[in-house]
């Protein structure tokens, strides 16, 4: 279990950019990808804004004859994976029929396909609900479709631990490489906007009217987003043998379960996950350079996450930058921590910390350095990526500059 794990490729599909270059440029500029939802009618809802991806053409990345029955989340995942493999300089022919690992985290799976099926049923057009459509509505369809597109024949896994699932996928792939079961893995998170998710979060009274403002005293809640993030993980030996570009090293991760409440987080569980991640990475609290916060913008999440950070990093919590890119993207559910992991990789590589935008009024209960409104250029060597999910499922991953 002493094999080192490198990140050699990054692929992202988001509301502020498709591909790492456009995504990162807009992220450090503090550009918001929030807009009025156009994918479905929101007139009967109380909220109308989200981080919807507009202008995405799957035919730019996926053969036209293979797109028809793919759900939106699968299209995002395949696109992000293709971009990540290109970034890692790994041709598709190199992984065809190979036993590599494909792990995908999600919250809603292919809920957009279920939306379409429900619409047909309501309109008395149930006969148009084909078997192909229904097969793509099942949860495992995202990794299945991704594995089919890549023609990979190794581990193919769905991780449905809601909004921490992307980090869980990274942790799972990390373990497989460390144990020697594989030397190459694709860790992904993908989710698409759907009516059921949009309505569900409104029923929890968790959504803000128009703006997500993490850690701000007057924050009014989260906004939904959508997209996919894919990281190519390799053993250092494999990466060095092929002279691959190495962004960062994955040092370790930590898991915990609050066992407290289905939707309300608890600082003790959050602290435990962060603590485990540092311990498993052989770091102490003073070694950390940046925290990518879960930072949803809800009253309770930001309060509990801040409390956990202040307790664990008691002597240095105000010296560690803590920002939330959900202020720009919204909450991309199962893709959130995957995309935030990509942000961590680029922050370490370029020495730039993305901002928490929409910050106006400090909250005494969230008195952290949240990198308000403007990116900060500063060299950092380590980053902690926080992700917490309904049910109290927490996963934190540690990245470092590659030695």
Protein backbone atom coordinates (compact mmCIF):
# COMPACT_ATOMS: atom_id res chain seq x y z
CA UNK A 1 0.00 0.00 0.00
CA UNK A 2 2.97 2.33 -0.46
CA UNK A 3 2.52 3.11 -4.14
CA UNK A 4 2.22 6.82 -4.86
CA UNK A 5 -0.76 8.10 -6.85
CA UNK A 6 -0.53 10.89 -9.41
CA UNK A 7 -3.22 12.95 -11.15
CA UNK A 8 -2.25 13.18 -14.81
CA UNK A 9 -5.41 14.36 -16.57
CA UNK A 10 -8.33 16.68 -15.87
CA UNK A 11 -11.65 16.95 -17.70
CA UNK A 12 -14.56 19.17 -16.75
CA UNK A 13 -17.99 20.12 -18.06
CA UNK A 14 -19.50 23.03 -16.14
CA UNK A 15 -21.68 26.10 -16.41
CA UNK A 16 -18.58 28.32 -16.58
CA UNK A 17 -16.66 26.31 -19.11
CA UNK A 18 -16.12 23.04 -20.94
CA UNK A 19 -12.54 21.85 -20.65
CA UNK A 20 -10.05 22.76 -17.93
CA UNK A 21 -8.70 25.92 -19.60
CA UNK A 22 -12.04 27.73 -19.99
CA UNK A 23 -13.26 26.45 -16.61
CA UNK A 24 -10.14 27.58 -14.73
CA UNK A 25 -9.92 30.95 -16.47
CA UNK A 26 -13.51 31.81 -15.57
CA UNK A 27 -13.19 30.37 -12.07
CA UNK A 28 -10.26 32.55 -11.05
CA UNK A 29 -11.99 35.54 -12.64
CA UNK A 30 -14.91 34.93 -10.29
CA UNK A 31 -17.40 34.43 -13.11
CA UNK A 32 -20.79 33.06 -12.07
CA UNK A 33 -22.49 30.39 -14.15
CA UNK A 34 -25.89 31.00 -12.60
CA UNK A 35 -28.85 31.78 -14.87
CA UNK A 36 -32.58 31.22 -15.24
CA UNK A 37 -33.38 27.58 -15.86
CA UNK A 38 -34.36 26.90 -19.47
CA UNK A 39 -34.32 23.08 -19.60
CA UNK A 40 -37.76 22.79 -18.02
CA UNK A 41 -40.62 25.04 -17.01
CA UNK A 42 -40.09 26.50 -13.52
CA UNK A 43 -43.21 28.69 -13.48
CA UNK A 44 -44.86 26.46 -10.87
CA UNK A 45 -41.76 26.57 -8.65
CA UNK A 46 -40.77 29.28 -6.19
CA UNK A 47 -37.19 29.34 -7.44
CA UNK A 48 -35.97 29.76 -11.01
CA UNK A 49 -32.15 29.93 -11.03
CA UNK A 50 -29.43 27.30 -11.27
CA UNK A 51 -25.96 26.62 -12.66
CA UNK A 52 -27.35 25.23 -15.91
CA UNK A 53 -24.90 24.36 -18.69
CA UNK A 54 -25.91 26.14 -21.86
CA UNK A 55 -24.42 25.74 -25.31
CA UNK A 56 -23.23 22.19 -24.70
CA UNK A 57 -23.24 20.14 -27.91
CA UNK A 58 -22.52 16.47 -27.20
CA UNK A 59 -21.89 15.83 -30.90
CA UNK A 60 -18.63 17.73 -30.51
CA UNK A 61 -17.37 14.87 -28.34
CA UNK A 62 -19.52 11.78 -28.90
CA UNK A 63 -20.40 10.09 -32.23
CA UNK A 64 -23.88 11.14 -33.29
CA UNK A 65 -25.15 7.57 -33.62
CA UNK A 66 -24.30 6.87 -29.95
CA UNK A 67 -25.92 9.95 -28.41
CA UNK A 68 -29.63 9.36 -28.88
CA UNK A 69 -30.36 7.20 -25.85
CA UNK A 70 -27.70 8.63 -23.53
CA UNK A 71 -28.94 10.62 -20.57
CA UNK A 72 -27.56 14.09 -19.95
CA UNK A 73 -25.38 12.95 -17.04
CA UNK A 74 -23.81 10.21 -19.21
CA UNK A 75 -23.12 12.76 -21.95
CA UNK A 76 -21.38 14.99 -19.42
CA UNK A 77 -19.34 12.10 -17.99
CA UNK A 78 -18.22 10.79 -21.39
CA UNK A 79 -17.24 14.28 -22.53
CA UNK A 80 -15.28 15.01 -19.36
CA UNK A 81 -13.55 11.62 -19.55
CA UNK A 82 -12.55 12.18 -23.16
CA UNK A 83 -11.13 15.60 -22.27
CA UNK A 84 -9.29 14.16 -19.26
CA UNK A 85 -7.72 11.37 -21.32
CA UNK A 86 -6.63 13.86 -23.97
CA UNK A 87 -5.15 16.01 -21.22
CA UNK A 88 -3.27 12.99 -19.85
CA UNK A 89 -2.05 12.15 -23.37
CA UNK A 90 -3.69 8.73 -23.26
CA UNK A 91 -5.29 7.69 -26.57
CA UNK A 92 -8.53 5.69 -26.41
CA UNK A 93 -6.77 2.85 -28.23
CA UNK A 94 -4.43 2.47 -25.25
CA UNK A 95 -7.20 1.61 -22.81
CA UNK A 96 -9.46 -0.38 -25.14
CA UNK A 97 -10.12 -3.83 -23.67
CA UNK A 98 -7.79 -3.07 -20.73
CA UNK A 99 -8.73 -3.77 -17.11
CA UNK A 100 -8.70 -0.21 -15.83
CA UNK A 101 -10.99 1.13 -13.11
CA UNK A 102 -13.94 3.38 -13.90
CA UNK A 103 -15.68 4.78 -10.79
CA UNK A 104 -18.47 7.36 -11.06
CA UNK A 105 -20.11 9.27 -8.23
CA UNK A 106 -23.63 10.67 -8.56
CA UNK A 107 -26.60 11.91 -6.58
CA UNK A 108 -29.51 11.73 -9.01
CA UNK A 109 -28.08 9.29 -11.57
CA UNK A 110 -30.03 9.77 -14.84
CA UNK A 111 -32.96 11.69 -13.34
CA UNK A 112 -33.26 13.67 -16.57
CA UNK A 113 -34.17 10.41 -18.35
CA UNK A 114 -36.82 9.77 -15.71
CA UNK A 115 -38.12 13.30 -16.33
CA UNK A 116 -38.51 12.49 -20.02
CA UNK A 117 -40.24 9.17 -19.32
CA UNK A 118 -42.64 10.82 -16.89
CA UNK A 119 -43.53 13.49 -19.45
CA UNK A 120 -44.37 10.82 -22.00
CA UNK A 121 -46.52 8.96 -19.48
CA UNK A 122 -48.41 12.13 -18.49
CA UNK A 123 -49.11 12.91 -22.14
CA UNK A 124 -50.63 9.46 -22.72
CA UNK A 125 -47.64 8.50 -24.84
CA UNK A 126 -46.43 5.61 -22.70
CA UNK A 127 -45.89 3.50 -25.82
CA UNK A 128 -43.01 5.85 -26.71
CA UNK A 129 -41.15 4.85 -23.53
CA UNK A 130 -38.75 2.40 -25.13
CA UNK A 131 -36.66 -0.26 -23.43
CA UNK A 132 -33.52 1.65 -24.41
CA UNK A 133 -34.87 4.76 -22.69
CA UNK A 134 -35.68 2.86 -19.51
CA UNK A 135 -32.32 1.07 -19.46
CA UNK A 136 -30.65 4.47 -19.43
CA UNK A 137 -32.80 5.61 -16.51
CA UNK A 138 -31.26 3.10 -14.11
CA UNK A 139 -28.57 4.40 -11.73
CA UNK A 140 -25.65 2.27 -13.06
CA UNK A 141 -26.15 3.58 -16.58
CA UNK A 142 -23.58 6.38 -16.17
CA UNK A 143 -20.51 4.19 -15.47
CA UNK A 144 -21.89 1.54 -17.85
CA UNK A 145 -22.16 4.07 -20.69
CA UNK A 146 -18.75 5.49 -19.86
CA UNK A 147 -17.17 2.04 -19.78
CA UNK A 148 -18.89 1.13 -23.06
CA UNK A 149 -17.62 4.31 -24.74
CA UNK A 150 -14.06 3.68 -23.50
CA UNK A 151 -14.29 -0.09 -24.20
CA UNK A 152 -12.71 -0.73 -20.78
CA UNK A 153 -13.12 -4.15 -19.18
CA UNK A 154 -12.02 -3.63 -15.60
CA UNK A 155 -13.85 -2.42 -12.48
CA UNK A 156 -16.98 -0.46 -13.41
CA UNK A 157 -18.62 1.07 -10.39
CA UNK A 158 -21.33 3.53 -9.43
CA UNK A 159 -20.89 5.31 -6.09
CA UNK A 160 -24.22 6.88 -5.05
CA UNK A 161 -23.17 8.64 -1.84
CA UNK A 162 -24.98 11.79 -2.95
CA UNK A 163 -23.09 15.06 -2.84
CA UNK A 164 -19.83 13.54 -1.58
CA UNK A 165 -19.81 10.82 -4.24
CA UNK A 166 -17.17 12.40 -6.47
CA UNK A 167 -14.63 12.37 -3.64
CA UNK A 168 -15.61 8.79 -2.77
CA UNK A 169 -14.78 7.82 -6.38
CA UNK A 170 -11.34 9.42 -6.05
CA UNK A 171 -10.75 7.58 -2.78
CA UNK A 172 -11.80 4.25 -4.27
CA UNK A 173 -9.51 4.65 -7.29
CA UNK A 174 -6.70 5.79 -4.99
CA UNK A 175 -7.01 2.57 -2.97
CA UNK A 176 -6.95 0.35 -6.07
CA UNK A 177 -3.76 1.99 -7.32
CA UNK A 178 -2.11 1.94 -3.89
CA UNK A 179 -2.88 -1.77 -3.50
CA UNK A 180 -1.51 -2.59 -6.94
CA UNK A 181 -4.82 -3.81 -8.37
CA UNK A 182 -4.52 -1.31 -11.20
CA UNK A 183 -2.08 1.33 -12.34
CA UNK A 184 -4.66 3.50 -14.14
CA UNK A 185 -8.09 4.65 -13.00
CA UNK A 186 -10.79 7.10 -14.06
CA UNK A 187 -12.47 8.86 -11.13
CA UNK A 188 -15.59 10.78 -12.08
CA UNK A 189 -18.62 12.58 -10.75
CA UNK A 190 -21.62 13.51 -12.89
CA UNK A 191 -25.10 14.91 -12.41
CA UNK A 192 -27.59 16.80 -14.56
CA UNK A 193 -30.34 19.22 -13.66
CA UNK A 194 -33.71 17.55 -13.38
CA UNK A 195 -37.19 18.57 -12.32
CA UNK A 196 -37.21 16.06 -9.49
CA UNK A 197 -33.95 17.41 -8.02
CA UNK A 198 -35.03 21.02 -8.50
CA UNK A 199 -38.36 20.44 -6.78
CA UNK A 200 -36.81 18.28 -4.09
CA UNK A 201 -34.32 20.86 -2.91
CA UNK A 202 -37.04 23.52 -2.92
CA UNK A 203 -39.19 21.33 -0.68
CA UNK A 204 -36.28 21.25 1.76
CA UNK A 205 -36.36 25.07 1.80
CA UNK A 206 -32.65 24.99 0.99
CA UNK A 207 -32.53 27.03 -2.24
CA UNK A 208 -31.63 30.69 -2.54
CA UNK A 209 -33.69 32.98 -4.81
CA UNK A 210 -30.88 34.00 -7.20
CA UNK A 211 -27.45 34.11 -5.53
CA UNK A 212 -25.38 31.59 -3.60
CA UNK A 213 -23.29 33.38 -0.96
CA UNK A 214 -21.34 30.88 1.15
CA UNK A 215 -20.19 32.08 4.58
CA UNK A 216 -21.97 35.42 4.20
CA UNK A 217 -24.09 36.42 7.19
CA UNK A 218 -27.12 37.02 4.95
CA UNK A 219 -26.80 33.84 2.88
CA UNK A 220 -30.13 32.42 1.80
CA UNK A 221 -29.26 28.91 0.68
CA UNK A 222 -27.80 26.88 -2.14
CA UNK A 223 -28.42 26.84 -5.87
CA UNK A 224 -28.36 23.67 -7.92
CA UNK A 225 -25.78 23.15 -10.63
CA UNK A 226 -24.88 20.41 -13.09
CA UNK A 227 -21.84 19.02 -14.84
CA UNK A 228 -19.09 16.44 -14.63
CA UNK A 229 -15.52 16.27 -13.40
CA UNK A 230 -13.07 13.51 -14.31
CA UNK A 231 -9.58 12.90 -12.93
CA UNK A 232 -7.11 10.44 -14.42
CA UNK A 233 -5.23 8.71 -11.61
CA UNK A 234 -2.07 6.71 -12.24
CA UNK A 235 0.67 5.11 -10.24
CA UNK A 236 3.77 7.28 -10.23
CA UNK A 237 5.70 4.42 -11.82
CA UNK A 238 3.31 4.29 -14.78
CA UNK A 239 3.17 8.07 -15.14
CA UNK A 240 6.96 8.45 -15.06
CA UNK A 241 7.50 5.53 -17.44
CA UNK A 242 5.46 7.26 -20.12
CA UNK A 243 6.74 10.76 -19.22
CA UNK A 244 3.20 11.91 -18.39
CA UNK A 245 2.32 15.39 -17.17
CA UNK A 246 1.72 15.21 -13.41
CA UNK A 247 -0.53 17.83 -11.83
CA UNK A 248 -0.51 16.73 -8.22
CA UNK A 249 -0.21 13.76 -5.93
CA UNK A 250 -3.16 12.29 -4.05
CA UNK A 251 -1.91 11.82 -0.49
CA UNK A 252 -4.96 10.27 1.14
CA UNK A 253 -8.57 10.66 2.16
CA UNK A 254 -10.84 10.36 5.18
CA UNK A 255 -14.42 9.12 5.60
CA UNK A 256 -16.97 9.56 8.34
CA UNK A 257 -20.70 9.34 8.92
CA UNK A 258 -22.42 11.82 11.22
CA UNK A 259 -25.22 9.36 12.11
CA UNK A 260 -27.11 12.49 13.12
CA UNK A 261 -29.75 13.62 10.60
CA UNK A 262 -30.64 12.87 7.00
CA UNK A 263 -30.14 16.48 5.81
CA UNK A 264 -28.51 18.44 8.65
CA UNK A 265 -24.70 18.15 8.92
CA UNK A 266 -22.86 17.86 12.22
CA UNK A 267 -19.50 19.48 12.93
CA UNK A 268 -18.20 16.44 14.84
CA UNK A 269 -18.58 14.19 11.79
CA UNK A 270 -17.05 16.81 9.49
CA UNK A 271 -14.08 17.21 11.82
CA UNK A 272 -13.56 13.45 11.97
CA UNK A 273 -13.39 13.15 8.15
CA UNK A 274 -10.89 16.02 7.88
CA UNK A 275 -8.85 14.58 10.75
CA UNK A 276 -8.71 11.14 9.12
CA UNK A 277 -7.74 12.65 5.76
CA UNK A 278 -4.78 14.49 7.31
CA UNK A 279 -3.71 11.46 9.34
CA UNK A 280 -3.90 9.13 6.34
CA UNK A 281 -1.83 11.66 4.39
CA UNK A 282 0.83 11.92 7.11
CA UNK A 283 0.14 15.62 7.56
CA UNK A 284 -0.52 17.74 10.61
CA UNK A 285 -2.82 20.74 10.73
CA UNK A 286 0.00 23.23 10.14
CA UNK A 287 1.00 21.50 6.89
CA UNK A 288 -2.22 22.46 5.10
CA UNK A 289 -2.20 25.33 2.61
CA UNK A 290 -5.80 25.52 1.39
CA UNK A 291 -9.26 24.11 2.05
CA UNK A 292 -11.77 23.77 -0.77
CA UNK A 293 -14.92 24.01 1.31
CA UNK A 294 -18.13 22.11 0.77
CA UNK A 295 -19.59 25.60 1.30
CA UNK A 296 -23.15 25.20 0.06
CA UNK A 297 -24.41 28.60 1.19
CA UNK A 298 -27.05 27.15 3.51
CA UNK A 299 -27.20 28.47 7.06
CA UNK A 300 -26.53 25.14 8.74
CA UNK A 301 -23.86 23.70 6.42
CA UNK A 302 -21.61 26.75 6.48
CA UNK A 303 -22.01 27.10 10.24
CA UNK A 304 -21.15 23.44 10.95
CA UNK A 305 -18.27 23.31 8.47
CA UNK A 306 -16.80 26.51 9.92
CA UNK A 307 -17.11 25.15 13.45
CA UNK A 308 -15.32 21.93 12.47
CA UNK A 309 -12.50 23.81 10.75
CA UNK A 310 -12.07 26.17 13.70
CA UNK A 311 -11.93 23.26 16.13
CA UNK A 312 -9.52 21.08 14.15
CA UNK A 313 -7.26 23.93 13.06
CA UNK A 314 -7.66 25.85 16.31
CA UNK A 315 -4.24 27.48 16.34
CA UNK A 316 -4.07 28.35 12.65
CA UNK A 317 -7.61 28.34 11.20
CA UNK A 318 -7.46 31.98 10.13
CA UNK A 319 -4.15 31.41 8.38
CA UNK A 320 -5.65 28.83 6.00
CA UNK A 321 -7.61 30.11 2.99
CA UNK A 322 -11.04 28.43 2.76
CA UNK A 323 -13.08 29.12 -0.39
CA UNK A 324 -16.24 27.74 -1.98
CA UNK A 325 -16.56 27.57 -5.75
CA UNK A 326 -20.24 26.66 -5.36
CA UNK A 327 -20.72 30.42 -5.21
CA UNK A 328 -20.02 30.36 -8.97
CA UNK A 329 -21.22 26.93 -10.11
CA UNK A 330 -24.04 26.17 -7.75
CA UNK A 331 -24.14 22.72 -6.12
CA UNK A 332 -23.41 20.15 -8.84
CA UNK A 333 -24.47 17.29 -6.55
CA UNK A 334 -22.46 14.14 -7.32
CA UNK A 335 -20.18 16.13 -9.62
CA UNK A 336 -19.52 18.84 -7.03
CA UNK A 337 -16.50 17.34 -5.27
CA UNK A 338 -15.05 16.01 -8.55
CA UNK A 339 -15.10 19.49 -10.05
CA UNK A 340 -13.80 20.96 -6.79
CA UNK A 341 -10.99 18.37 -6.85
CA UNK A 342 -10.03 19.64 -10.30
CA UNK A 343 -10.03 23.16 -8.88
CA UNK A 344 -7.66 21.99 -6.11
CA UNK A 345 -5.30 20.42 -8.67
CA UNK A 346 -5.14 23.62 -10.70
CA UNK A 347 -4.79 25.80 -7.60
CA UNK A 348 -1.76 23.77 -6.52
CA UNK A 349 -0.27 23.76 -10.01
CA UNK A 350 -0.72 27.48 -10.72
CA UNK A 351 -0.50 28.91 -7.20
CA UNK A 352 -3.90 30.60 -7.44
CA UNK A 353 -6.77 30.14 -4.98
CA UNK A 354 -10.25 30.63 -6.49
CA UNK A 355 -12.53 33.05 -4.66
CA UNK A 356 -15.81 32.81 -2.80
CA UNK A 357 -17.90 35.34 -4.71
CA UNK A 358 -21.05 37.17 -3.54
CA UNK A 359 -19.48 37.75 -0.12
CA UNK A 360 -20.61 41.03 1.45
CA UNK A 361 -21.25 40.72 5.19
CA UNK A 362 -18.99 38.71 7.54
CA UNK A 363 -20.69 36.17 9.78
CA UNK A 364 -19.19 35.80 13.28
CA UNK A 365 -20.03 32.08 13.14
CA UNK A 366 -18.12 31.67 9.87
CA UNK A 367 -15.13 33.88 10.61
CA UNK A 368 -12.70 32.14 8.27
CA UNK A 369 -10.53 33.53 5.50
CA UNK A 370 -12.98 32.70 2.71
CA UNK A 371 -10.95 34.43 -0.05
CA UNK A 372 -13.78 36.92 -0.64
CA UNK A 373 -14.70 37.91 -4.19
CA UNK A 374 -11.22 37.86 -5.77
CA UNK A 375 -8.80 35.05 -6.51
CA UNK A 376 -5.57 35.09 -4.54
CA UNK A 377 -2.18 34.36 -6.06
CA UNK A 378 -0.11 32.49 -3.49
CA UNK A 379 1.99 29.33 -3.65
CA UNK A 380 0.46 26.38 -1.81
CA UNK A 381 1.76 22.84 -1.40
CA UNK A 382 -1.26 21.01 0.01
CA UNK A 383 -5.04 21.24 -0.39
CA UNK A 384 -7.96 19.56 1.39
CA UNK A 385 -11.12 18.99 -0.64
CA UNK A 386 -14.18 18.78 1.62
CA UNK A 387 -17.44 17.11 0.62
CA UNK A 388 -20.45 16.27 2.76
CA UNK A 389 -23.68 14.56 1.77
CA UNK A 390 -27.19 13.85 2.97
CA UNK A 391 -27.19 11.07 5.51
CA UNK A 392 -24.02 12.52 7.02
CA UNK A 393 -21.72 10.81 4.51
CA UNK A 394 -18.48 12.80 4.55
CA UNK A 395 -15.36 12.39 2.41
CA UNK A 396 -12.29 14.63 2.40
CA UNK A 397 -9.36 14.18 -0.01
CA UNK A 398 -5.84 15.61 0.33
CA UNK A 399 -3.77 16.68 -2.67
CA UNK A 400 -0.20 17.97 -2.76
CA UNK A 401 2.22 19.33 -5.29
CA UNK A 402 4.08 16.46 -6.89
CA UNK A 403 7.51 15.83 -5.40
